[in-house]
PDB file of N, CA and C in Angstrom:
ATOM      1  N   UNK A   1       1.343  -1.242  -0.211  1.00  0.00           N
ATOM      2  CA  UNK A   1       0.360   0.056   0.345  1.00  0.00           C
ATOM      3  C   UNK A   1       1.000   1.006  -0.313  1.00  0.00           C
ATOM      4  N   UNK A   2       1.045   1.760  -1.162  1.00  0.00           N
ATOM      5  CA  UNK A   2       2.029   3.060  -1.169  1.00  0.00           C
ATOM      6  C   UNK A   2       1.322   4.582  -0.247  1.00  0.00           C
ATOM      7  N   UNK A   3       2.539   4.953   0.095  1.00  0.00           N
ATOM      8  CA  UNK A   3       1.784   5.937   1.244  1.00  0.00           C
ATOM      9  C   UNK A   3       1.311   7.020   0.792  1.00  0.00           C
ATOM     10  N   UNK A   4       0.556   7.310  -0.458  1.00  0.00           N
ATOM     11  CA  UNK A   4       0.399   8.331  -0.925  1.00  0.00           C
ATOM     12  C   UNK A   4      -1.254   7.693  -1.772  1.00  0.00           C
ATOM     13  N   UNK A   5      -1.302   6.506  -1.126  1.00  0.00           N
ATOM     14  CA  UNK A   5      -2.448   5.733  -1.663  1.00  0.00           C
ATOM     15  C   UNK A   5      -3.894   6.244  -1.754  1.00  0.00           C
ATOM     16  N   UNK A   6      -5.051   6.733  -2.391  1.00  0.00           N
ATOM     17  CA  UNK A   6      -6.422   7.382  -2.771  1.00  0.00           C
ATOM     18  C   UNK A   6      -6.821   6.723  -1.212  1.00  0.00           C
ATOM     19  N   UNK A   7      -6.815   5.553  -1.092  1.00  0.00           N
ATOM     20  CA  UNK A   7      -7.645   4.758   0.051  1.00  0.00           C
ATOM     21  C   UNK A   7      -6.872   4.897   1.452  1.00  0.00           C
ATOM     22  N   UNK A   8      -5.462   5.014   1.170  1.00  0.00           N
ATOM     23  CA  UNK A   8      -4.790   5.652   3.012  1.00  0.00           C
ATOM     24  C   UNK A   8      -5.391   6.895   2.897  1.00  0.00           C
ATOM     25  N   UNK A   9      -5.191   7.766   2.044  1.00  0.00           N
ATOM     26  CA  UNK A   9      -6.468   9.536   2.141  1.00  0.00           C
ATOM     27  C   UNK A   9      -7.330   9.151   2.680  1.00  0.00           C
ATOM     28  N   UNK A  10      -8.085   8.234   2.312  1.00  0.00           N
ATOM     29  CA  UNK A  10      -9.656   8.422   2.098  1.00  0.00           C
ATOM     30  C   UNK A  10      -9.735   7.603   3.216  1.00  0.00           C
ATOM     31  N   UNK A  11      -8.746   6.706   4.247  1.00  0.00           N
ATOM     32  CA  UNK A  11      -8.560   5.842   5.102  1.00  0.00           C
ATOM     33  C   UNK A  11      -8.701   6.579   6.456  1.00  0.00           C
ATOM     34  N   UNK A  12      -8.082   7.569   6.313  1.00  0.00           N
ATOM     35  CA  UNK A  12      -7.074   8.774   7.281  1.00  0.00           C
ATOM     36  C   UNK A  12      -8.441   9.938   7.873  1.00  0.00           C
ATOM     37  N   UNK A  13      -8.999  10.408   6.432  1.00  0.00           N
ATOM     38  CA  UNK A  13     -10.011  11.008   6.645  1.00  0.00           C
ATOM     39  C   UNK A  13     -11.278  10.291   7.540  1.00  0.00           C
ATOM     40  N   UNK A  14     -11.331   9.901   6.666  1.00  0.00           N
ATOM     41  CA  UNK A  14     -12.338   8.652   7.340  1.00  0.00           C
ATOM     42  C   UNK A  14     -11.908   8.724   9.452  1.00  0.00           C
ATOM     43  N   UNK A  15     -11.121   8.213   9.800  1.00  0.00           N
ATOM     44  CA  UNK A  15     -10.627   8.137  11.405  1.00  0.00           C
ATOM     45  C   UNK A  15     -10.099   9.070  11.979  1.00  0.00           C
ATOM     46  N   UNK A  16     -10.040   9.928  11.072  1.00  0.00           N
ATOM     47  CA  UNK A  16      -9.473  11.522  12.122  1.00  0.00           C
ATOM     48  C   UNK A  16     -10.200  11.656  13.133  1.00  0.00           C
ATOM     49  N   UNK A  17     -11.471  11.886  13.013  1.00  0.00           N
ATOM     50  CA  UNK A  17     -12.564  12.129  14.077  1.00  0.00           C
ATOM     51  C   UNK A  17     -11.672  11.703  15.135  1.00  0.00           C
ATOM     52  N   UNK A  18     -11.823  10.100  15.895  1.00  0.00           N
ATOM     53  CA  UNK A  18     -11.442   9.013  15.934  1.00  0.00           C
ATOM     54  C   UNK A  18      -9.974   9.138  16.597  1.00  0.00           C
ATOM     55  N   UNK A  19      -8.951   9.893  16.596  1.00  0.00           N
ATOM     56  CA  UNK A  19      -7.607   9.447  17.213  1.00  0.00           C
ATOM     57  C   UNK A  19      -7.552  10.387  17.792  1.00  0.00           C
ATOM     58  N   UNK A  20      -7.087   9.906  18.986  1.00  0.00           N
ATOM     59  CA  UNK A  20      -7.035  10.516  20.107  1.00  0.00           C
ATOM     60  C   UNK A  20      -5.287  11.016  20.415  1.00  0.00           C
ATOM     61  N   UNK A  21      -4.869  11.880  21.266  1.00  0.00           N
ATOM     62  CA  UNK A  21      -3.863  12.683  21.237  1.00  0.00           C
ATOM     63  C   UNK A  21      -2.899  12.466  21.181  1.00  0.00           C
ATOM     64  N   UNK A  22      -1.545  12.567  20.309  1.00  0.00           N
ATOM     65  CA  UNK A  22      -0.504  11.797  21.018  1.00  0.00           C
ATOM     66  C   UNK A  22      -0.578  10.693  19.571  1.00  0.00           C
ATOM     67  N   UNK A  23      -1.916   9.739  19.326  1.00  0.00           N
ATOM     68  CA  UNK A  23      -1.189   9.116  18.353  1.00  0.00           C
ATOM     69  C   UNK A  23      -1.042   9.265  17.027  1.00  0.00           C
ATOM     70  N   UNK A  24      -0.200   8.413  16.233  1.00  0.00           N
ATOM     71  CA  UNK A  24      -0.123   8.562  14.634  1.00  0.00           C
ATOM     72  C   UNK A  24      -1.814   8.639  13.580  1.00  0.00           C
ATOM     73  N   UNK A  25      -1.426   8.831  13.460  1.00  0.00           N
ATOM     74  CA  UNK A  25      -2.766   9.645  12.036  1.00  0.00           C
ATOM     75  C   UNK A  25      -3.170   8.223  10.908  1.00  0.00           C
ATOM     76  N   UNK A  26      -2.363   8.016  10.938  1.00  0.00           N
ATOM     77  CA  UNK A  26      -1.999   7.353  10.244  1.00  0.00           C
ATOM     78  C   UNK A  26      -2.419   5.566  10.683  1.00  0.00           C
ATOM     79  N   UNK A  27      -3.639   5.068   9.934  1.00  0.00           N
ATOM     80  CA  UNK A  27      -4.240   3.691  10.463  1.00  0.00           C
ATOM     81  C   UNK A  27      -3.453   2.589  10.225  1.00  0.00           C
ATOM     82  N   UNK A  28      -3.389   1.517  10.550  1.00  0.00           N
ATOM     83  CA  UNK A  28      -3.201  -0.231  11.219  1.00  0.00           C
ATOM     84  C   UNK A  28      -3.596  -0.326   9.750  1.00  0.00           C
ATOM     85  N   UNK A  29      -4.882  -0.521   9.232  1.00  0.00           N
ATOM     86  CA  UNK A  29      -5.094  -1.111   7.673  1.00  0.00           C
ATOM     87  C   UNK A  29      -7.087  -0.756   7.774  1.00  0.00           C
ATOM     88  N   UNK A  30      -7.236  -0.782   6.352  1.00  0.00           N
ATOM     89  CA  UNK A  30      -7.613  -0.454   5.455  1.00  0.00           C
ATOM     90  C   UNK A  30      -8.891  -1.450   4.850  1.00  0.00           C
ATOM     91  N   UNK A  31     -10.309  -1.684   4.607  1.00  0.00           N
ATOM     92  CA  UNK A  31     -10.390  -1.781   3.444  1.00  0.00           C
ATOM     93  C   UNK A  31     -11.797  -1.392   2.211  1.00  0.00           C
ATOM     94  N   UNK A  32     -11.716  -1.743   1.446  1.00  0.00           N
ATOM     95  CA  UNK A  32     -13.323  -1.653   0.716  1.00  0.00           C
ATOM     96  C   UNK A  32     -14.213  -1.996   1.641  1.00  0.00           C
ATOM     97  N   UNK A  33     -15.717  -1.970   1.437  1.00  0.00           N
ATOM     98  CA  UNK A  33     -16.463  -3.231   1.366  1.00  0.00           C
ATOM     99  C   UNK A  33     -17.377  -3.369   0.189  1.00  0.00           C
ATOM    100  N   UNK A  34     -17.853  -4.264  -0.404  1.00  0.00           N
ATOM    101  CA  UNK A  34     -18.677  -4.452  -1.582  1.00  0.00           C
ATOM    102  C   UNK A  34     -20.037  -3.835  -1.502  1.00  0.00           C
ATOM    103  N   UNK A  35     -20.096  -2.937  -0.226  1.00  0.00           N
ATOM    104  CA  UNK A  35     -21.485  -1.864  -0.710  1.00  0.00           C
ATOM    105  C   UNK A  35     -20.877  -0.796  -0.722  1.00  0.00           C
ATOM    106  N   UNK A  36     -19.421  -0.521  -1.204  1.00  0.00           N
ATOM    107  CA  UNK A  36     -18.972   0.881  -0.765  1.00  0.00           C
ATOM    108  C   UNK A  36     -18.952   1.950   0.656  1.00  0.00           C
ATOM    109  N   UNK A  37     -19.088   0.742   1.926  1.00  0.00           N
ATOM    110  CA  UNK A  37     -17.971   1.161   3.002  1.00  0.00           C
ATOM    111  C   UNK A  37     -16.994   1.183   2.607  1.00  0.00           C
ATOM    112  N   UNK A  38     -16.305   0.933   4.124  1.00  0.00           N
ATOM    113  CA  UNK A  38     -15.024   1.006   4.752  1.00  0.00           C
ATOM    114  C   UNK A  38     -15.074   0.458   6.303  1.00  0.00           C
ATOM    115  N   UNK A  39     -13.520  -0.600   5.990  1.00  0.00           N
ATOM    116  CA  UNK A  39     -13.556  -0.982   7.196  1.00  0.00           C
ATOM    117  C   UNK A  39     -12.318  -0.248   7.901  1.00  0.00           C
ATOM    118  N   UNK A  40     -11.711   0.290   8.578  1.00  0.00           N
ATOM    119  CA  UNK A  40     -10.987   1.266   8.925  1.00  0.00           C
ATOM    120  C   UNK A  40     -10.128   0.302   9.876  1.00  0.00           C
ATOM    121  N   UNK A  41      -8.759   0.182  10.683  1.00  0.00           N
ATOM    122  CA  UNK A  41      -8.116   0.029  11.857  1.00  0.00           C
ATOM    123  C   UNK A  41      -7.128   1.302  11.903  1.00  0.00           C
ATOM    124  N   UNK A  42      -7.567   1.622  13.814  1.00  0.00           N
ATOM    125  CA  UNK A  42      -7.482   3.317  14.093  1.00  0.00           C
ATOM    126  C   UNK A  42      -5.995   2.789  14.608  1.00  0.00           C
ATOM    127  N   UNK A  43      -4.983   3.342  14.510  1.00  0.00           N
ATOM    128  CA  UNK A  43      -3.674   3.955  15.421  1.00  0.00           C
ATOM    129  C   UNK A  43      -3.484   3.183  16.492  1.00  0.00           C
ATOM    130  N   UNK A  44      -4.639   2.964  16.974  1.00  0.00           N
ATOM    131  CA  UNK A  44      -5.009   1.918  18.319  1.00  0.00           C
ATOM    132  C   UNK A  44      -6.346   0.790  18.550  1.00  0.00           C
ATOM    133  N   UNK A  45      -5.324   0.338  17.153  1.00  0.00           N
ATOM    134  CA  UNK A  45      -6.322  -0.847  17.053  1.00  0.00           C
ATOM    135  C   UNK A  45      -7.935  -1.026  17.023  1.00  0.00           C
ATOM    136  N   UNK A  46      -8.670  -0.254  17.323  1.00  0.00           N
ATOM    137  CA  UNK A  46     -10.072   0.478  16.358  1.00  0.00           C
ATOM    138  C   UNK A  46     -10.797  -0.030  15.635  1.00  0.00           C
ATOM    139  N   UNK A  47     -11.104  -0.905  15.693  1.00  0.00           N
ATOM    140  CA  UNK A  47     -12.142  -1.463  13.910  1.00  0.00           C
ATOM    141  C   UNK A  47     -13.158  -0.235  14.126  1.00  0.00           C
ATOM    142  N   UNK A  48     -13.250   0.334  12.607  1.00  0.00           N
ATOM    143  CA  UNK A  48     -13.381   1.615  12.699  1.00  0.00           C
ATOM    144  C   UNK A  48     -14.227   1.545  11.226  1.00  0.00           C
ATOM    145  N   UNK A  49     -15.917   0.963  11.250  1.00  0.00           N
ATOM    146  CA  UNK A  49     -16.567   0.602  10.168  1.00  0.00           C
ATOM    147  C   UNK A  49     -17.252   1.508   9.864  1.00  0.00           C
ATOM    148  N   UNK A  50     -17.378   2.351   8.251  1.00  0.00           N
ATOM    149  CA  UNK A  50     -18.501   3.317   7.669  1.00  0.00           C
ATOM    150  C   UNK A  50     -18.754   2.976   6.360  1.00  0.00           C
ATOM    151  N   UNK A  51     -20.308   3.315   6.947  1.00  0.00           N
ATOM    152  CA  UNK A  51     -21.541   3.130   5.588  1.00  0.00           C
ATOM    153  C   UNK A  51     -20.872   3.784   4.599  1.00  0.00           C
ATOM    154  N   UNK A  52     -22.020   3.851   3.149  1.00  0.00           N
ATOM    155  CA  UNK A  52     -21.028   4.167   1.946  1.00  0.00           C
ATOM    156  C   UNK A  52     -21.761   5.780   1.781  1.00  0.00           C
ATOM    157  N   UNK A  53     -22.581   5.319   2.854  1.00  0.00           N
ATOM    158  CA  UNK A  53     -22.950   7.625   2.625  1.00  0.00           C
ATOM    159  C   UNK A  53     -21.387   8.078   3.518  1.00  0.00           C
ATOM    160  N   UNK A  54     -20.789   7.655   4.492  1.00  0.00           N
ATOM    161  CA  UNK A  54     -19.461   8.375   4.745  1.00  0.00           C
ATOM    162  C   UNK A  54     -18.308   8.145   3.709  1.00  0.00           C
ATOM    163  N   UNK A  55     -17.955   7.439   3.798  1.00  0.00           N
ATOM    164  CA  UNK A  55     -17.514   7.653   2.449  1.00  0.00           C
ATOM    165  C   UNK A  55     -17.488   8.244   2.209  1.00  0.00           C
ATOM    166  N   UNK A  56     -18.761   8.134   1.225  1.00  0.00           N
ATOM    167  CA  UNK A  56     -18.809   9.012  -0.242  1.00  0.00           C
ATOM    168  C   UNK A  56     -18.815  10.449   0.526  1.00  0.00           C
ATOM    169  N   UNK A  57     -18.864  10.684   1.865  1.00  0.00           N
ATOM    170  CA  UNK A  57     -18.632  12.009   1.839  1.00  0.00           C
ATOM    171  C   UNK A  57     -17.471  13.008   2.105  1.00  0.00           C
ATOM    172  N   UNK A  58     -16.558  11.518   2.933  1.00  0.00           N
ATOM    173  CA  UNK A  58     -15.020  11.840   2.372  1.00  0.00           C
ATOM    174  C   UNK A  58     -14.412  11.971   1.881  1.00  0.00           C
ATOM    175  N   UNK A  59     -14.699  11.533   0.170  1.00  0.00           N
ATOM    176  CA  UNK A  59     -14.534  10.852  -0.970  1.00  0.00           C
ATOM    177  C   UNK A  59     -14.578  12.948  -1.714  1.00  0.00           C
ATOM    178  N   UNK A  60     -15.865  13.104  -1.686  1.00  0.00           N
ATOM    179  CA  UNK A  60     -15.916  14.717  -2.180  1.00  0.00           C
ATOM    180  C   UNK A  60     -15.207  15.118  -1.476  1.00  0.00           C
ATOM    181  N   UNK A  61     -15.381  15.306  -0.042  1.00  0.00           N
ATOM    182  CA  UNK A  61     -14.334  16.635   0.546  1.00  0.00           C
ATOM    183  C   UNK A  61     -12.783  16.054   0.218  1.00  0.00           C
ATOM    184  N   UNK A  62     -12.363  15.418  -1.151  1.00  0.00           N
ATOM    185  CA  UNK A  62     -10.801  15.107  -0.374  1.00  0.00           C
ATOM    186  C   UNK A  62     -10.754  15.250  -2.507  1.00  0.00           C
ATOM    187  N   UNK A  63     -11.604  15.122  -2.761  1.00  0.00           N
ATOM    188  CA  UNK A  63     -12.282  15.562  -4.156  1.00  0.00           C
ATOM    189  C   UNK A  63     -12.098  14.395  -4.809  1.00  0.00           C
ATOM    190  N   UNK A  64     -12.873  13.445  -4.231  1.00  0.00           N
ATOM    191  CA  UNK A  64     -12.400  11.561  -5.675  1.00  0.00           C
ATOM    192  C   UNK A  64     -14.075  11.474  -5.862  1.00  0.00           C
ATOM    193  N   UNK A  65     -13.807  11.056  -6.981  1.00  0.00           N
ATOM    194  CA  UNK A  65     -15.168  10.475  -7.424  1.00  0.00           C
ATOM    195  C   UNK A  65     -16.000   9.193  -5.960  1.00  0.00           C
ATOM    196  N   UNK A  66     -17.377   9.708  -5.745  1.00  0.00           N
ATOM    197  CA  UNK A  66     -18.001   9.012  -5.023  1.00  0.00           C
ATOM    198  C   UNK A  66     -18.638   7.626  -5.863  1.00  0.00           C
ATOM    199  N   UNK A  67     -18.878   6.608  -4.665  1.00  0.00           N
ATOM    200  CA  UNK A  67     -18.546   4.997  -5.038  1.00  0.00           C
ATOM    201  C   UNK A  67     -20.011   5.010  -5.491  1.00  0.00           C
ATOM    202  N   UNK A  68     -20.140   4.528  -6.349  1.00  0.00           N
ATOM    203  CA  UNK A  68     -21.670   4.185  -6.622  1.00  0.00           C
ATOM    204  C   UNK A  68     -22.500   2.510  -6.058  1.00  0.00           C
ATOM    205  N   UNK A  69     -23.549   3.085  -5.396  1.00  0.00           N
ATOM    206  CA  UNK A  69     -23.909   1.482  -4.301  1.00  0.00           C
ATOM    207  C   UNK A  69     -24.072   0.519  -5.245  1.00  0.00           C
ATOM    208  N   UNK A  70     -24.052  -0.821  -5.099  1.00  0.00           N
ATOM    209  CA  UNK A  70     -24.046  -1.841  -5.524  1.00  0.00           C
ATOM    210  C   UNK A  70     -25.231  -2.463  -5.822  1.00  0.00           C
ATOM    211  N   UNK A  71     -25.771  -2.551  -7.384  1.00  0.00           N
ATOM    212  CA  UNK A  71     -27.179  -3.518  -7.352  1.00  0.00           C
ATOM    213  C   UNK A  71     -27.156  -4.422  -7.206  1.00  0.00           C
ATOM    214  N   UNK A  72     -28.592  -5.076  -6.696  1.00  0.00           N
ATOM    215  CA  UNK A  72     -29.041  -6.269  -5.798  1.00  0.00           C
ATOM    216  C   UNK A  72     -29.182  -6.901  -6.975  1.00  0.00           C
ATOM    217  N   UNK A  73     -28.389  -8.215  -6.710  1.00  0.00           N
ATOM    218  CA  UNK A  73     -28.228  -9.661  -6.894  1.00  0.00           C
ATOM    219  C   UNK A  73     -29.892 -10.016  -7.685  1.00  0.00           C
ATOM    220  N   UNK A  74     -30.041 -10.294  -8.932  1.00  0.00           N
ATOM    221  CA  UNK A  74     -31.514 -10.896  -9.168  1.00  0.00           C
ATOM    222  C   UNK A  74     -32.415 -11.946  -8.413  1.00  0.00           C
ATOM    223  N   UNK A  75     -33.269 -12.056  -8.482  1.00  0.00           N
ATOM    224  CA  UNK A  75     -33.724 -12.805  -7.508  1.00  0.00           C
ATOM    225  C   UNK A  75     -34.126 -14.408  -8.225  1.00  0.00           C
ATOM    226  N   UNK A  76     -33.254 -15.240  -7.752  1.00  0.00           N
ATOM    227  CA  UNK A  76     -33.478 -16.749  -7.879  1.00  0.00           C
ATOM    228  C   UNK A  76     -34.753 -16.737  -7.683  1.00  0.00           C
ATOM    229  N   UNK A  77     -35.377 -17.256  -9.011  1.00  0.00           N
ATOM    230  CA  UNK A  77     -37.545 -18.175  -8.312  1.00  0.00           C
ATOM    231  C   UNK A  77     -37.154 -18.836  -7.900  1.00  0.00           C
ATOM    232  N   UNK A  78     -38.362 -19.084  -6.240  1.00  0.00           N
ATOM    233  CA  UNK A  78     -37.813 -20.315  -5.025  1.00  0.00           C
ATOM    234  C   UNK A  78     -38.723 -21.452  -6.196  1.00  0.00           C
ATOM    235  N   UNK A  79     -38.010 -22.516  -5.797  1.00  0.00           N
ATOM    236  CA  UNK A  79     -38.260 -24.225  -6.289  1.00  0.00           C
ATOM    237  C   UNK A  79     -38.820 -24.470  -5.830  1.00  0.00           C
ATOM    238  N   UNK A  80     -40.339 -24.905  -6.537  1.00  0.00           N
ATOM    239  CA  UNK A  80     -41.084 -25.944  -4.825  1.00  0.00           C
ATOM    240  C   UNK A  80     -40.729 -27.506  -5.546  1.00  0.00           C
ATOM    241  N   UNK A  81     -40.942 -27.836  -3.621  1.00  0.00           N
ATOM    242  CA  UNK A  81     -40.477 -29.359  -3.296  1.00  0.00           C
ATOM    243  C   UNK A  81     -42.019 -30.276  -4.147  1.00  0.00           C
ATOM    244  N   UNK A  82     -42.951 -29.206  -3.800  1.00  0.00           N
ATOM    245  CA  UNK A  82     -43.827 -30.248  -4.276  1.00  0.00           C
ATOM    246  C   UNK A  82     -43.798 -30.868  -5.848  1.00  0.00           C
ATOM    247  N   UNK A  83     -43.586 -29.702  -6.253  1.00  0.00           N
ATOM    248  CA  UNK A  83     -43.430 -29.836  -8.099  1.00  0.00           C
ATOM    249  C   UNK A  83     -43.254 -31.268  -8.017  1.00  0.00           C
ATOM    250  N   UNK A  84     -41.972 -31.422  -7.365  1.00  0.00           N
ATOM    251  CA  UNK A  84     -41.295 -32.910  -8.500  1.00  0.00           C
ATOM    252  C   UNK A  84     -41.970 -34.131  -7.816  1.00  0.00           C
ATOM    253  N   UNK A  85     -42.387 -33.908  -6.654  1.00  0.00           N
ATOM    254  CA  UNK A  85     -42.931 -35.042  -5.877  1.00  0.00           C
ATOM    255  C   UNK A  85     -44.452 -35.912  -6.481  1.00  0.00           C
ATOM    256  N   UNK A  86     -45.494 -34.521  -6.452  1.00  0.00           N
ATOM    257  CA  UNK A  86     -46.380 -34.725  -7.321  1.00  0.00           C
ATOM    258  C   UNK A  86     -46.763 -33.680  -7.802  1.00  0.00           C
ATOM    259  N   UNK A  87     -47.506 -33.792  -9.829  1.00  0.00           N
ATOM    260  CA  UNK A  87     -48.082 -33.588 -10.409  1.00  0.00           C
ATOM    261  C   UNK A  87     -49.572 -32.718  -9.352  1.00  0.00           C
ATOM    262  N   UNK A  88     -49.874 -32.600  -8.614  1.00  0.00           N
ATOM    263  CA  UNK A  88     -51.148 -31.986  -8.418  1.00  0.00           C
ATOM    264  C   UNK A  88     -49.994 -30.548  -7.585  1.00  0.00           C
ATOM    265  N   UNK A  89     -51.200 -29.625  -7.444  1.00  0.00           N
ATOM    266  CA  UNK A  89     -50.584 -28.386  -6.815  1.00  0.00           C
ATOM    267  C   UNK A  89     -50.628 -28.717  -5.165  1.00  0.00           C
ATOM    268  N   UNK A  90     -49.669 -27.979  -5.029  1.00  0.00           N
ATOM    269  CA  UNK A  90     -49.369 -28.226  -3.436  1.00  0.00           C
ATOM    270  C   UNK A  90     -50.824 -27.619  -2.409  1.00  0.00           C
ATOM    271  N   UNK A  91     -50.573 -28.286  -1.421  1.00  0.00           N
ATOM    272  CA  UNK A  91     -51.916 -28.413  -0.234  1.00  0.00           C
ATOM    273  C   UNK A  91     -51.500 -27.038   0.810  1.00  0.00           C
ATOM    274  N   UNK A  92     -52.704 -26.534   1.075  1.00  0.00           N
ATOM    275  CA  UNK A  92     -51.850 -25.147   2.047  1.00  0.00           C
ATOM    276  C   UNK A  92     -52.492 -25.135   3.067  1.00  0.00           C
ATOM    277  N   UNK A  93     -51.358 -24.828   4.381  1.00  0.00           N
ATOM    278  CA  UNK A  93     -51.156 -25.549   5.370  1.00  0.00           C
ATOM    279  C   UNK A  93     -52.551 -24.527   5.986  1.00  0.00           C
ATOM    280  N   UNK A  94     -52.535 -25.310   7.152  1.00  0.00           N
ATOM    281  CA  UNK A  94     -54.054 -24.859   8.509  1.00  0.00           C
ATOM    282  C   UNK A  94     -52.562 -24.948   9.891  1.00  0.00           C
ATOM    283  N   UNK A  95     -51.841 -24.206   9.312  1.00  0.00           N
ATOM    284  CA  UNK A  95     -50.751 -23.449  10.794  1.00  0.00           C
ATOM    285  C   UNK A  95     -52.077 -22.392  11.462  1.00  0.00           C
ATOM    286  N   UNK A  96     -51.983 -22.737  12.748  1.00  0.00           N
ATOM    287  CA  UNK A  96     -52.813 -21.913  13.628  1.00  0.00           C
ATOM    288  C   UNK A  96     -54.403 -21.641  13.576  1.00  0.00           C
ATOM    289  N   UNK A  97     -54.461 -22.673  12.797  1.00  0.00           N
ATOM    290  CA  UNK A  97     -56.089 -22.369  13.193  1.00  0.00           C
ATOM    291  C   UNK A  97     -56.835 -24.142  13.496  1.00  0.00           C
ATOM    292  N   UNK A  98     -57.193 -24.471  14.012  1.00  0.00           N
ATOM    293  CA  UNK A  98     -58.303 -25.348  14.741  1.00  0.00           C
ATOM    294  C   UNK A  98     -59.095 -25.583  13.867  1.00  0.00           C
ATOM    295  N   UNK A  99     -58.973 -27.079  13.445  1.00  0.00           N
ATOM    296  CA  UNK A  99     -60.125 -28.242  12.807  1.00  0.00           C
ATOM    297  C   UNK A  99     -60.587 -29.719  13.708  1.00  0.00           C
ATOM    298  N   UNK A 100     -61.340 -29.841  13.408  1.00  0.00           N
ATOM    299  CA  UNK A 100     -62.240 -30.956  14.175  1.00  0.00           C
ATOM    300  C   UNK A 100     -62.887 -31.841  13.283  1.00  0.00           C
ATOM    301  N   UNK A 101     -61.599 -33.155  12.973  1.00  0.00           N
ATOM    302  CA  UNK A 101     -61.828 -34.296  11.922  1.00  0.00           C
ATOM    303  C   UNK A 101     -63.216 -35.103  12.928  1.00  0.00           C
ATOM    304  N   UNK A 102     -63.784 -35.173  12.153  1.00  0.00           N
ATOM    305  CA  UNK A 102     -65.247 -36.374  12.224  1.00  0.00           C
ATOM    306  C   UNK A 102     -64.796 -37.292  12.120  1.00  0.00           C
ATOM    307  N   UNK A 103     -64.353 -38.274  12.486  1.00  0.00           N
ATOM    308  CA  UNK A 103     -64.999 -39.678  11.730  1.00  0.00           C
ATOM    309  C   UNK A 103     -66.231 -39.866  11.317  1.00  0.00           C
ATOM    310  N   UNK A 104     -66.360 -41.320  10.723  1.00  0.00           N
ATOM    311  CA  UNK A 104     -67.643 -41.384   9.529  1.00  0.00           C
ATOM    312  C   UNK A 104     -67.363 -42.945  10.960  1.00  0.00           C
ATOM    313  N   UNK A 105     -68.828 -42.941  11.554  1.00  0.00           N
ATOM    314  CA  UNK A 105     -69.805 -44.313  11.591  1.00  0.00           C
ATOM    315  C   UNK A 105     -69.219 -45.005  12.045  1.00  0.00           C
ATOM    316  N   UNK A 106     -68.780 -45.859  11.275  1.00  0.00           N
ATOM    317  CA  UNK A 106     -67.973 -47.406  10.436  1.00  0.00           C
ATOM    318  C   UNK A 106     -66.535 -47.231  12.083  1.00  0.00           C
ATOM    319  N   UNK A 107     -66.191 -45.908  12.367  1.00  0.00           N
ATOM    320  CA  UNK A 107     -65.263 -45.340  12.364  1.00  0.00           C
ATOM    321  C   UNK A 107     -64.982 -45.240  14.113  1.00  0.00           C
ATOM    322  N   UNK A 108     -65.704 -44.753  15.267  1.00  0.00           N
ATOM    323  CA  UNK A 108     -66.534 -44.654  15.812  1.00  0.00           C
ATOM    324  C   UNK A 108     -65.237 -45.330  16.477  1.00  0.00           C
ATOM    325  N   UNK A 109     -65.874 -46.702  16.410  1.00  0.00           N
ATOM    326  CA  UNK A 109     -64.512 -47.297  17.664  1.00  0.00           C
ATOM    327  C   UNK A 109     -63.648 -47.301  18.075  1.00  0.00           C
ATOM    328  N   UNK A 110     -62.989 -46.277  17.060  1.00  0.00           N
ATOM    329  CA  UNK A 110     -61.489 -46.161  17.613  1.00  0.00           C
ATOM    330  C   UNK A 110     -61.540 -44.750  17.668  1.00  0.00           C
ATOM    331  N   UNK A 111     -62.110 -44.770  18.563  1.00  0.00           N
ATOM    332  CA  UNK A 111     -62.283 -43.354  18.654  1.00  0.00           C
ATOM    333  C   UNK A 111     -62.745 -43.136  20.292  1.00  0.00           C
ATOM    334  N   UNK A 112     -63.302 -45.041  20.568  1.00  0.00           N
ATOM    335  CA  UNK A 112     -63.866 -44.534  21.767  1.00  0.00           C
ATOM    336  C   UNK A 112     -63.177 -45.461  22.766  1.00  0.00           C
ATOM    337  N   UNK A 113     -61.944 -46.200  21.676  1.00  0.00           N
ATOM    338  CA  UNK A 113     -60.225 -46.790  22.104  1.00  0.00           C
ATOM    339  C   UNK A 113     -59.393 -46.175  22.834  1.00  0.00           C
ATOM    340  N   UNK A 114     -59.036 -44.451  21.665  1.00  0.00           N
ATOM    341  CA  UNK A 114     -58.538 -43.890  22.264  1.00  0.00           C
ATOM    342  C   UNK A 114     -58.847 -43.113  23.693  1.00  0.00           C
ATOM    343  N   UNK A 115     -59.910 -42.440  23.762  1.00  0.00           N
ATOM    344  CA  UNK A 115     -60.681 -42.098  24.828  1.00  0.00           C
ATOM    345  C   UNK A 115     -60.294 -42.641  25.751  1.00  0.00           C
ATOM    346  N   UNK A 116     -60.674 -44.363  25.964  1.00  0.00           N
ATOM    347  CA  UNK A 116     -60.464 -44.963  27.284  1.00  0.00           C
ATOM    348  C   UNK A 116     -59.311 -45.089  27.864  1.00  0.00           C
ATOM    349  N   UNK A 117     -57.859 -45.288  26.750  1.00  0.00           N
ATOM    350  CA  UNK A 117     -56.730 -44.976  27.079  1.00  0.00           C
ATOM    351  C   UNK A 117     -56.371 -43.823  27.656  1.00  0.00           C
ATOM    352  N   UNK A 118     -57.293 -42.445  27.178  1.00  0.00           N
ATOM    353  CA  UNK A 118     -56.705 -41.414  28.084  1.00  0.00           C
ATOM    354  C   UNK A 118     -56.573 -41.297  29.861  1.00  0.00           C
ATOM    355  N   UNK A 119     -58.300 -42.130  29.885  1.00  0.00           N
ATOM    356  CA  UNK A 119     -58.715 -42.158  31.163  1.00  0.00           C
ATOM    357  C   UNK A 119     -57.680 -43.048  32.029  1.00  0.00           C
ATOM    358  N   UNK A 120     -57.206 -43.589  31.419  1.00  0.00           N
ATOM    359  CA  UNK A 120     -57.032 -44.794  32.478  1.00  0.00           C
ATOM    360  C   UNK A 120     -55.713 -44.364  32.388  1.00  0.00           C
ATOM    361  N   UNK A 121     -54.705 -42.767  32.484  1.00  0.00           N
ATOM    362  CA  UNK A 121     -53.778 -42.805  33.105  1.00  0.00           C
ATOM    363  C   UNK A 121     -53.913 -41.576  34.465  1.00  0.00           C
TER     364      UNK A 121
END
């Protein structure tokens, strides 16, 4: 990283308000973020995160061209697992809804067995 690189000047400008008296103004490290912001490790070891807006205002003050926000990646269509299993449309969910199941008369004996088992405990 050359001493007069634009990134170094930007990092120094961003971290300047956070310098402690008696500390050097040169940051230990800096990285540009994919979203246009910047991370700066100040001379005393603190990690400072700057947003795109903060970095762009410092860029303008230094006479640099502002960074553009990244475009959003195209949304991928969600694949439905139900379509791979069956050709029928997926069923709706009953989450949060109470539902009473009524057994047909020929299966009422199952209901009586279950209620009998519950009462034994």
